[in-house]
């Protein structure tokens, strides 16, 4: 089998694996609608705090 065809098959398999992963994540988020909101608040708060400290340090 030529390398190009093999590479195409591998790329297709990897894409399918990623697609299944994204579908599983979406199902988990659909089952727990508060999870993304809670995650967003936690992450944004953390980085907002870091950014504020960085700005104070550099001003």
N, C-alpha and C. Protein backbone atom coordinates (compact mmCIF):
# COMPACT_ATOMS: atom_id res chain seq x y z
N UNK A 1 0.86 -1.19 0.00
CA UNK A 1 0.00 0.00 0.00
C UNK A 1 0.90 1.24 0.00
N UNK A 2 0.64 2.17 -0.89
CA UNK A 2 1.44 3.40 -0.93
C UNK A 2 1.28 4.19 0.37
N UNK A 3 2.32 4.91 0.70
CA UNK A 3 2.33 5.68 1.95
C UNK A 3 1.19 6.70 2.01
N UNK A 4 0.86 7.32 0.89
CA UNK A 4 -0.20 8.34 0.88
C UNK A 4 -1.55 7.74 1.25
N UNK A 5 -1.85 6.55 0.73
CA UNK A 5 -3.13 5.91 1.06
C UNK A 5 -3.16 5.52 2.53
N UNK A 6 -2.04 5.01 3.03
CA UNK A 6 -1.97 4.63 4.44
C UNK A 6 -2.16 5.86 5.32
N UNK A 7 -1.52 6.96 4.95
CA UNK A 7 -1.66 8.19 5.72
C UNK A 7 -3.11 8.67 5.74
N UNK A 8 -3.80 8.57 4.60
CA UNK A 8 -5.21 8.95 4.54
C UNK A 8 -6.06 8.09 5.47
N UNK A 9 -5.78 6.78 5.50
CA UNK A 9 -6.55 5.88 6.37
C UNK A 9 -6.30 6.21 7.83
N UNK A 10 -5.05 6.47 8.17
CA UNK A 10 -4.72 6.81 9.56
C UNK A 10 -5.42 8.11 9.94
N UNK A 11 -5.39 9.10 9.05
CA UNK A 11 -6.06 10.37 9.33
C UNK A 11 -7.55 10.19 9.54
N UNK A 12 -8.17 9.31 8.76
CA UNK A 12 -9.60 9.04 8.90
C UNK A 12 -9.89 8.40 10.25
N UNK A 13 -9.05 7.44 10.65
CA UNK A 13 -9.24 6.78 11.94
C UNK A 13 -9.09 7.77 13.09
N UNK A 14 -8.08 8.62 13.00
CA UNK A 14 -7.87 9.62 14.05
C UNK A 14 -9.06 10.58 14.12
N UNK A 15 -9.58 10.98 12.99
CA UNK A 15 -10.74 11.88 12.97
C UNK A 15 -11.94 11.22 13.62
N UNK A 16 -12.15 9.95 13.36
CA UNK A 16 -13.28 9.23 13.97
C UNK A 16 -13.10 9.13 15.48
N UNK A 17 -11.87 8.89 15.94
CA UNK A 17 -11.62 8.82 17.37
C UNK A 17 -11.92 10.17 18.03
N UNK A 18 -11.48 11.26 17.40
CA UNK A 18 -11.75 12.59 17.95
C UNK A 18 -13.25 12.88 17.96
N UNK A 19 -13.93 12.48 16.90
CA UNK A 19 -15.37 12.71 16.82
C UNK A 19 -16.10 11.99 17.95
N UNK A 20 -15.72 10.74 18.21
CA UNK A 20 -16.35 9.99 19.31
C UNK A 20 -16.06 10.66 20.65
N UNK A 21 -14.85 11.16 20.81
CA UNK A 21 -14.50 11.85 22.05
C UNK A 21 -15.34 13.10 22.23
N UNK A 22 -15.47 13.91 21.18
CA UNK A 22 -16.28 15.12 21.27
C UNK A 22 -17.74 14.80 21.56
N UNK A 23 -18.25 13.73 20.97
CA UNK A 23 -19.63 13.33 21.23
C UNK A 23 -19.81 12.92 22.68
N UNK A 24 -18.84 12.21 23.24
CA UNK A 24 -18.93 11.79 24.64
C UNK A 24 -18.91 13.00 25.57
N UNK A 25 -18.06 13.96 25.28
CA UNK A 25 -17.99 15.18 26.09
C UNK A 25 -19.31 15.93 26.00
N UNK A 26 -19.86 16.04 24.80
CA UNK A 26 -21.13 16.75 24.63
C UNK A 26 -22.25 16.06 25.41
N UNK A 27 -22.28 14.74 25.40
CA UNK A 27 -23.30 14.01 26.15
C UNK A 27 -23.16 14.27 27.64
N UNK A 28 -21.92 14.31 28.14
CA UNK A 28 -21.72 14.60 29.56
C UNK A 28 -22.17 16.01 29.91
N UNK A 29 -21.88 16.96 29.02
CA UNK A 29 -22.32 18.33 29.27
C UNK A 29 -23.83 18.46 29.20
N UNK A 30 -24.45 17.75 28.27
CA UNK A 30 -25.91 17.77 28.16
C UNK A 30 -26.56 17.17 29.40
N UNK A 31 -25.92 16.17 29.99
CA UNK A 31 -26.46 15.52 31.18
C UNK A 31 -26.32 16.41 32.41
N UNK A 32 -25.31 17.27 32.43
CA UNK A 32 -25.08 18.14 33.57
C UNK A 32 -24.86 19.56 33.05
N UNK A 33 -25.95 20.29 32.89
CA UNK A 33 -25.87 21.61 32.27
C UNK A 33 -25.13 22.63 33.14
N UNK A 34 -25.06 22.40 34.42
CA UNK A 34 -24.36 23.32 35.31
C UNK A 34 -22.85 23.15 35.24
N UNK A 35 -22.38 22.03 34.72
CA UNK A 35 -20.94 21.74 34.71
C UNK A 35 -20.16 22.79 33.93
N UNK A 36 -20.63 23.16 32.74
CA UNK A 36 -19.90 24.13 31.94
C UNK A 36 -19.95 25.51 32.58
N UNK A 37 -21.08 25.88 33.14
CA UNK A 37 -21.17 27.18 33.82
C UNK A 37 -20.20 27.23 34.99
N UNK A 38 -20.19 26.17 35.79
CA UNK A 38 -19.30 26.12 36.94
C UNK A 38 -17.84 26.13 36.50
N UNK A 39 -17.52 25.37 35.47
CA UNK A 39 -16.15 25.34 34.95
C UNK A 39 -15.74 26.72 34.46
N UNK A 40 -16.61 27.36 33.71
CA UNK A 40 -16.31 28.68 33.15
C UNK A 40 -16.05 29.68 34.27
N UNK A 41 -16.90 29.68 35.30
CA UNK A 41 -16.72 30.61 36.41
C UNK A 41 -15.40 30.36 37.13
N UNK A 42 -15.09 29.10 37.35
CA UNK A 42 -13.86 28.75 38.06
C UNK A 42 -12.64 29.16 37.26
N UNK A 43 -12.59 28.79 36.00
CA UNK A 43 -11.43 29.08 35.17
C UNK A 43 -11.29 30.57 34.93
N UNK A 44 -12.38 31.24 34.59
CA UNK A 44 -12.29 32.67 34.33
C UNK A 44 -11.90 33.44 35.58
N UNK A 45 -12.40 33.02 36.72
CA UNK A 45 -12.04 33.70 37.96
C UNK A 45 -10.55 33.53 38.22
N UNK A 46 -10.05 32.32 38.07
CA UNK A 46 -8.64 32.05 38.31
C UNK A 46 -7.76 32.93 37.42
N UNK A 47 -8.04 32.94 36.12
CA UNK A 47 -7.21 33.71 35.22
C UNK A 47 -7.43 35.21 35.39
N UNK A 48 -8.63 35.60 35.77
CA UNK A 48 -8.86 37.00 36.06
C UNK A 48 -8.02 37.46 37.24
N UNK A 49 -7.90 36.61 38.25
CA UNK A 49 -7.09 36.92 39.42
C UNK A 49 -5.62 37.01 39.04
N UNK A 50 -5.15 36.08 38.24
CA UNK A 50 -3.75 36.09 37.80
C UNK A 50 -3.47 37.34 36.98
N UNK A 51 -4.37 37.67 36.05
CA UNK A 51 -4.19 38.84 35.21
C UNK A 51 -4.15 40.11 36.06
N UNK A 52 -5.04 40.21 37.03
CA UNK A 52 -5.08 41.39 37.89
C UNK A 52 -3.76 41.52 38.66
N UNK A 53 -3.27 40.42 39.21
CA UNK A 53 -2.00 40.45 39.93
C UNK A 53 -0.86 40.84 39.00
N UNK A 54 -0.87 40.33 37.78
CA UNK A 54 0.17 40.64 36.80
C UNK A 54 0.14 42.14 36.46
N UNK A 55 -1.07 42.67 36.25
CA UNK A 55 -1.20 44.09 35.92
C UNK A 55 -0.71 44.97 37.06
N UNK A 56 -1.04 44.59 38.28
CA UNK A 56 -0.59 45.37 39.44
C UNK A 56 0.93 45.33 39.56
N UNK A 57 1.51 44.18 39.29
CA UNK A 57 2.96 44.01 39.40
C UNK A 57 3.69 44.84 38.34
N UNK A 58 3.10 44.94 37.15
CA UNK A 58 3.77 45.62 36.05
C UNK A 58 3.40 47.10 35.92
N UNK A 59 2.60 47.62 36.83
CA UNK A 59 2.23 49.04 36.69
C UNK A 59 3.07 49.92 37.58
